């Protein structure tokens, strides 16, 4: 929606359920296809979408697990390579 008012305008196919980050001049978002996550970039001026990176298997898709630096030069994400759970018994616990 324009800052000065007026009707809404669709700028891209970034869906609310997808993880996305707004940086100067672009929106970076995760896209899942065939169980593979990729990072796409929507340029807000040209409306052009480019795939920036295919993330490795085990990458967690969640807004709290994905961030882009304000200048768009760095990307951080969570990659899980193993999940370990341990069951422990503590005697005389009070």
N, C-alpha and C. Protein backbone atom coordinates (compact mmCIF):
# COMPACT_ATOMS: atom_id res chain seq x y z
N UNK A 1 0.84 -1.16 0.00
CA UNK A 1 0.00 0.00 0.00
C UNK A 1 0.90 1.24 0.00
N UNK A 2 0.65 2.18 -0.87
CA UNK A 2 1.48 3.40 -0.90
C UNK A 2 1.45 4.14 0.44
N UNK A 3 2.59 4.71 0.82
CA UNK A 3 2.70 5.43 2.08
C UNK A 3 1.72 6.60 2.10
N UNK A 4 1.54 7.26 0.97
CA UNK A 4 0.65 8.41 0.89
C UNK A 4 -0.82 8.04 0.77
N UNK A 5 -1.14 6.76 0.79
CA UNK A 5 -2.52 6.31 0.65
C UNK A 5 -2.78 5.76 -0.74
N UNK A 6 -3.93 5.17 -0.91
CA UNK A 6 -4.30 4.61 -2.20
C UNK A 6 -4.49 3.11 -2.11
N UNK A 7 -4.81 2.50 -3.24
CA UNK A 7 -5.10 1.06 -3.22
C UNK A 7 -3.85 0.21 -3.03
N UNK A 8 -4.07 -1.00 -2.50
CA UNK A 8 -2.98 -1.96 -2.34
C UNK A 8 -2.48 -2.39 -3.71
N UNK A 9 -1.21 -2.74 -3.77
CA UNK A 9 -0.62 -3.24 -5.01
C UNK A 9 0.25 -4.45 -4.69
N UNK A 10 0.00 -5.55 -5.38
CA UNK A 10 0.81 -6.75 -5.16
C UNK A 10 2.18 -6.54 -5.79
N UNK A 11 3.23 -6.78 -4.99
CA UNK A 11 4.58 -6.56 -5.51
C UNK A 11 5.34 -7.85 -5.77
N UNK A 12 4.81 -8.97 -5.29
CA UNK A 12 5.51 -10.23 -5.51
C UNK A 12 4.71 -11.39 -4.95
N UNK A 13 5.22 -12.58 -5.16
CA UNK A 13 4.54 -13.79 -4.71
C UNK A 13 5.10 -14.29 -3.39
N UNK A 14 5.47 -13.40 -2.49
CA UNK A 14 5.94 -13.78 -1.17
C UNK A 14 4.70 -13.96 -0.31
N UNK A 15 4.44 -15.19 0.07
CA UNK A 15 3.24 -15.49 0.83
C UNK A 15 3.45 -15.27 2.31
N UNK A 16 2.39 -14.92 3.05
CA UNK A 16 2.55 -14.67 4.49
C UNK A 16 3.13 -15.86 5.26
N UNK A 17 2.89 -17.08 4.80
CA UNK A 17 3.40 -18.23 5.53
C UNK A 17 4.88 -18.49 5.27
N UNK A 18 5.45 -17.79 4.30
CA UNK A 18 6.87 -17.98 4.00
C UNK A 18 7.71 -17.08 4.89
N UNK A 19 8.93 -17.51 5.13
CA UNK A 19 9.87 -16.73 5.91
C UNK A 19 10.47 -15.66 5.02
N UNK A 20 10.50 -14.42 5.48
CA UNK A 20 11.03 -13.34 4.67
C UNK A 20 11.69 -12.27 5.54
N UNK A 21 12.61 -11.53 4.92
CA UNK A 21 13.32 -10.45 5.58
C UNK A 21 13.34 -9.25 4.64
N UNK A 22 12.99 -8.10 5.15
CA UNK A 22 13.02 -6.86 4.38
C UNK A 22 14.35 -6.17 4.62
N UNK A 23 15.07 -5.84 3.55
CA UNK A 23 16.30 -5.06 3.63
C UNK A 23 16.14 -3.90 2.65
N UNK A 24 17.07 -2.98 2.66
CA UNK A 24 16.97 -1.82 1.78
C UNK A 24 16.84 -2.25 0.33
N UNK A 25 15.70 -1.95 -0.26
CA UNK A 25 15.49 -2.19 -1.69
C UNK A 25 15.11 -3.60 -2.09
N UNK A 26 14.97 -4.53 -1.13
CA UNK A 26 14.68 -5.91 -1.51
C UNK A 26 14.00 -6.67 -0.37
N UNK A 27 13.35 -7.75 -0.76
CA UNK A 27 12.81 -8.72 0.19
C UNK A 27 13.49 -10.04 -0.11
N UNK A 28 14.10 -10.64 0.92
CA UNK A 28 14.68 -11.98 0.80
C UNK A 28 13.70 -12.94 1.45
N UNK A 29 13.44 -14.06 0.80
CA UNK A 29 12.50 -15.01 1.37
C UNK A 29 12.89 -16.44 1.06
N UNK A 30 12.44 -17.35 1.93
CA UNK A 30 12.69 -18.77 1.74
C UNK A 30 11.58 -19.35 0.89
N UNK A 31 11.97 -20.20 -0.04
CA UNK A 31 11.02 -20.89 -0.90
C UNK A 31 11.33 -22.37 -0.82
N UNK A 32 10.30 -23.18 -0.61
CA UNK A 32 10.48 -24.62 -0.52
C UNK A 32 9.95 -25.28 -1.79
N UNK A 33 10.79 -26.10 -2.41
CA UNK A 33 10.39 -26.87 -3.59
C UNK A 33 11.03 -28.23 -3.49
N UNK A 34 10.23 -29.27 -3.55
CA UNK A 34 10.73 -30.65 -3.45
C UNK A 34 11.57 -30.85 -2.20
N UNK A 35 11.12 -30.29 -1.07
CA UNK A 35 11.78 -30.41 0.23
C UNK A 35 13.17 -29.79 0.27
N UNK A 36 13.46 -28.90 -0.65
CA UNK A 36 14.72 -28.15 -0.65
C UNK A 36 14.39 -26.68 -0.47
N UNK A 37 15.04 -26.06 0.52
CA UNK A 37 14.84 -24.63 0.75
C UNK A 37 15.83 -23.82 -0.08
N UNK A 38 15.33 -22.72 -0.64
CA UNK A 38 16.23 -21.79 -1.32
C UNK A 38 15.89 -20.38 -0.85
N UNK A 39 16.86 -19.48 -0.98
CA UNK A 39 16.65 -18.08 -0.66
C UNK A 39 16.48 -17.34 -1.98
N UNK A 40 15.37 -16.63 -2.09
CA UNK A 40 15.10 -15.81 -3.27
C UNK A 40 15.15 -14.35 -2.88
N UNK A 41 15.46 -13.51 -3.85
CA UNK A 41 15.52 -12.06 -3.62
C UNK A 41 14.56 -11.37 -4.58
N UNK A 42 13.64 -10.58 -4.03
CA UNK A 42 12.72 -9.78 -4.82
C UNK A 42 13.21 -8.34 -4.79
N UNK A 43 13.67 -7.84 -5.91
CA UNK A 43 14.11 -6.45 -6.02
C UNK A 43 12.86 -5.57 -6.06
N UNK A 44 12.74 -4.63 -5.13
CA UNK A 44 11.53 -3.82 -5.02
C UNK A 44 11.38 -2.80 -6.14
N UNK A 45 12.46 -2.43 -6.79
CA UNK A 45 12.37 -1.48 -7.92
C UNK A 45 11.93 -2.18 -9.21
N UNK A 46 12.66 -3.23 -9.56
CA UNK A 46 12.40 -3.91 -10.84
C UNK A 46 11.36 -5.02 -10.72
N UNK A 47 11.06 -5.44 -9.49
CA UNK A 47 10.15 -6.56 -9.22
C UNK A 47 10.70 -7.89 -9.75
N UNK A 48 12.00 -7.92 -9.99
CA UNK A 48 12.66 -9.13 -10.50
C UNK A 48 13.01 -10.05 -9.34
N UNK A 49 12.74 -11.35 -9.52
CA UNK A 49 13.05 -12.34 -8.50
C UNK A 49 14.24 -13.17 -8.97
N UNK A 50 15.24 -13.32 -8.10
CA UNK A 50 16.38 -14.18 -8.42
C UNK A 50 16.61 -15.14 -7.26
N UNK A 51 17.03 -16.34 -7.59
CA UNK A 51 17.39 -17.30 -6.56
C UNK A 51 18.82 -16.99 -6.14
N UNK A 52 19.00 -16.73 -4.85
CA UNK A 52 20.30 -16.35 -4.32
C UNK A 52 21.11 -17.57 -3.91
N UNK A 53 20.44 -18.55 -3.29
CA UNK A 53 21.16 -19.67 -2.70
C UNK A 53 20.22 -20.85 -2.47
N UNK A 54 20.70 -22.06 -2.78
CA UNK A 54 20.01 -23.27 -2.37
C UNK A 54 20.63 -23.68 -1.03
N UNK A 55 19.80 -23.85 -0.03
CA UNK A 55 20.29 -24.18 1.30
C UNK A 55 20.49 -25.69 1.43
N UNK A 56 21.48 -26.11 2.22
CA UNK A 56 21.77 -27.54 2.34
C UNK A 56 20.65 -28.28 3.07
N UNK A 57 20.58 -29.57 2.83
CA UNK A 57 19.62 -30.42 3.50
C UNK A 57 19.84 -30.30 5.01
N UNK A 58 18.76 -30.21 5.76
CA UNK A 58 18.87 -30.04 7.21
C UNK A 58 18.68 -28.61 7.65
N UNK A 59 18.53 -27.69 6.71
CA UNK A 59 18.29 -26.30 7.07
C UNK A 59 16.88 -26.16 7.61
N UNK A 60 16.75 -25.41 8.69
CA UNK A 60 15.47 -25.22 9.33
C UNK A 60 14.81 -23.97 8.76
N UNK A 61 13.58 -24.10 8.28
CA UNK A 61 12.84 -22.96 7.75
C UNK A 61 11.93 -22.37 8.81
N UNK A 62 12.28 -21.21 9.30
CA UNK A 62 11.50 -20.54 10.33
C UNK A 62 12.03 -19.12 10.42
N UNK A 63 11.15 -18.16 10.62
CA UNK A 63 11.56 -16.75 10.62
C UNK A 63 12.63 -16.47 11.66
N UNK A 64 12.61 -17.18 12.79
CA UNK A 64 13.64 -16.94 13.80
C UNK A 64 14.96 -17.63 13.45
N UNK A 65 14.97 -18.40 12.37
CA UNK A 65 16.18 -19.12 11.96
C UNK A 65 16.76 -18.59 10.65
N UNK A 66 16.42 -17.36 10.28
CA UNK A 66 16.80 -16.83 8.99
C UNK A 66 16.93 -15.31 9.11
N UNK A 67 18.07 -14.75 8.72
CA UNK A 67 18.25 -13.30 8.77
C UNK A 67 19.23 -12.85 7.70
N UNK A 68 19.00 -11.66 7.19
CA UNK A 68 19.87 -11.02 6.19
C UNK A 68 20.37 -9.72 6.79
N UNK A 69 21.65 -9.42 6.58
CA UNK A 69 22.20 -8.16 7.10
C UNK A 69 21.51 -6.98 6.42
N UNK A 70 21.46 -5.82 7.07
CA UNK A 70 20.78 -4.66 6.49
C UNK A 70 21.28 -4.27 5.09
N UNK A 71 22.55 -4.51 4.80
CA UNK A 71 23.07 -4.17 3.48
C UNK A 71 22.91 -5.31 2.46
N UNK A 72 22.34 -6.44 2.90
CA UNK A 72 22.09 -7.56 2.00
C UNK A 72 23.32 -8.37 1.63
N UNK A 73 24.44 -8.14 2.31
CA UNK A 73 25.68 -8.85 1.97
C UNK A 73 25.86 -10.16 2.71
N UNK A 74 25.20 -10.33 3.86
CA UNK A 74 25.39 -11.51 4.69
C UNK A 74 24.05 -12.16 4.99
N UNK A 75 24.09 -13.48 5.08
CA UNK A 75 22.92 -14.28 5.39
C UNK A 75 23.28 -15.28 6.48
N UNK A 76 22.43 -15.41 7.47
CA UNK A 76 22.62 -16.44 8.49
C UNK A 76 21.37 -17.30 8.55
N UNK A 77 21.59 -18.59 8.79
CA UNK A 77 20.47 -19.52 8.92
C UNK A 77 20.89 -20.68 9.81
N UNK A 78 19.92 -21.40 10.30
CA UNK A 78 20.19 -22.55 11.17
C UNK A 78 20.23 -23.81 10.33
N UNK A 79 21.30 -24.57 10.52
CA UNK A 79 21.46 -25.85 9.83
C UNK A 79 21.62 -26.92 10.89
N UNK A 80 20.73 -27.92 10.85
CA UNK A 80 20.76 -29.00 11.83
C UNK A 80 21.45 -30.19 11.21
N UNK A 81 22.56 -30.64 11.81
CA UNK A 81 23.23 -31.81 11.27
C UNK A 81 22.98 -33.05 12.12
N UNK A 82 22.53 -32.85 13.35
CA UNK A 82 22.14 -33.99 14.17
C UNK A 82 21.28 -33.50 15.33
N UNK A 83 20.38 -34.37 15.76
CA UNK A 83 19.54 -34.06 16.91
C UNK A 83 19.77 -35.18 17.92
N UNK A 84 20.20 -34.81 19.10
CA UNK A 84 20.50 -35.79 20.14
C UNK A 84 19.66 -35.47 21.37
N UNK A 85 19.05 -36.49 21.90
CA UNK A 85 18.31 -36.36 23.16
C UNK A 85 18.89 -37.34 24.15
N UNK A 86 18.97 -36.92 25.39
CA UNK A 86 19.48 -37.80 26.43
C UNK A 86 18.47 -37.85 27.57
N UNK A 87 18.31 -39.03 28.12
CA UNK A 87 17.47 -39.23 29.28
C UNK A 87 18.39 -39.49 30.46
N UNK A 88 18.23 -38.70 31.53
CA UNK A 88 19.12 -38.84 32.69
C UNK A 88 18.28 -39.05 33.94
N UNK A 89 18.80 -39.87 34.83
CA UNK A 89 18.16 -40.07 36.13
C UNK A 89 19.05 -39.44 37.19
N UNK A 90 18.46 -38.61 38.04
CA UNK A 90 19.19 -37.97 39.11
C UNK A 90 18.65 -38.51 40.42
N UNK A 91 19.50 -39.18 41.16
CA UNK A 91 19.08 -39.77 42.44
C UNK A 91 19.09 -38.70 43.53
N UNK A 92 18.19 -38.88 44.49
CA UNK A 92 18.07 -37.99 45.63
C UNK A 92 17.80 -36.53 45.23
N UNK A 93 17.08 -36.34 44.15
CA UNK A 93 16.74 -34.98 43.71
C UNK A 93 15.66 -34.40 44.62
N UNK A 94 15.84 -33.19 45.07
CA UNK A 94 14.84 -32.54 45.93
C UNK A 94 14.42 -31.23 45.35
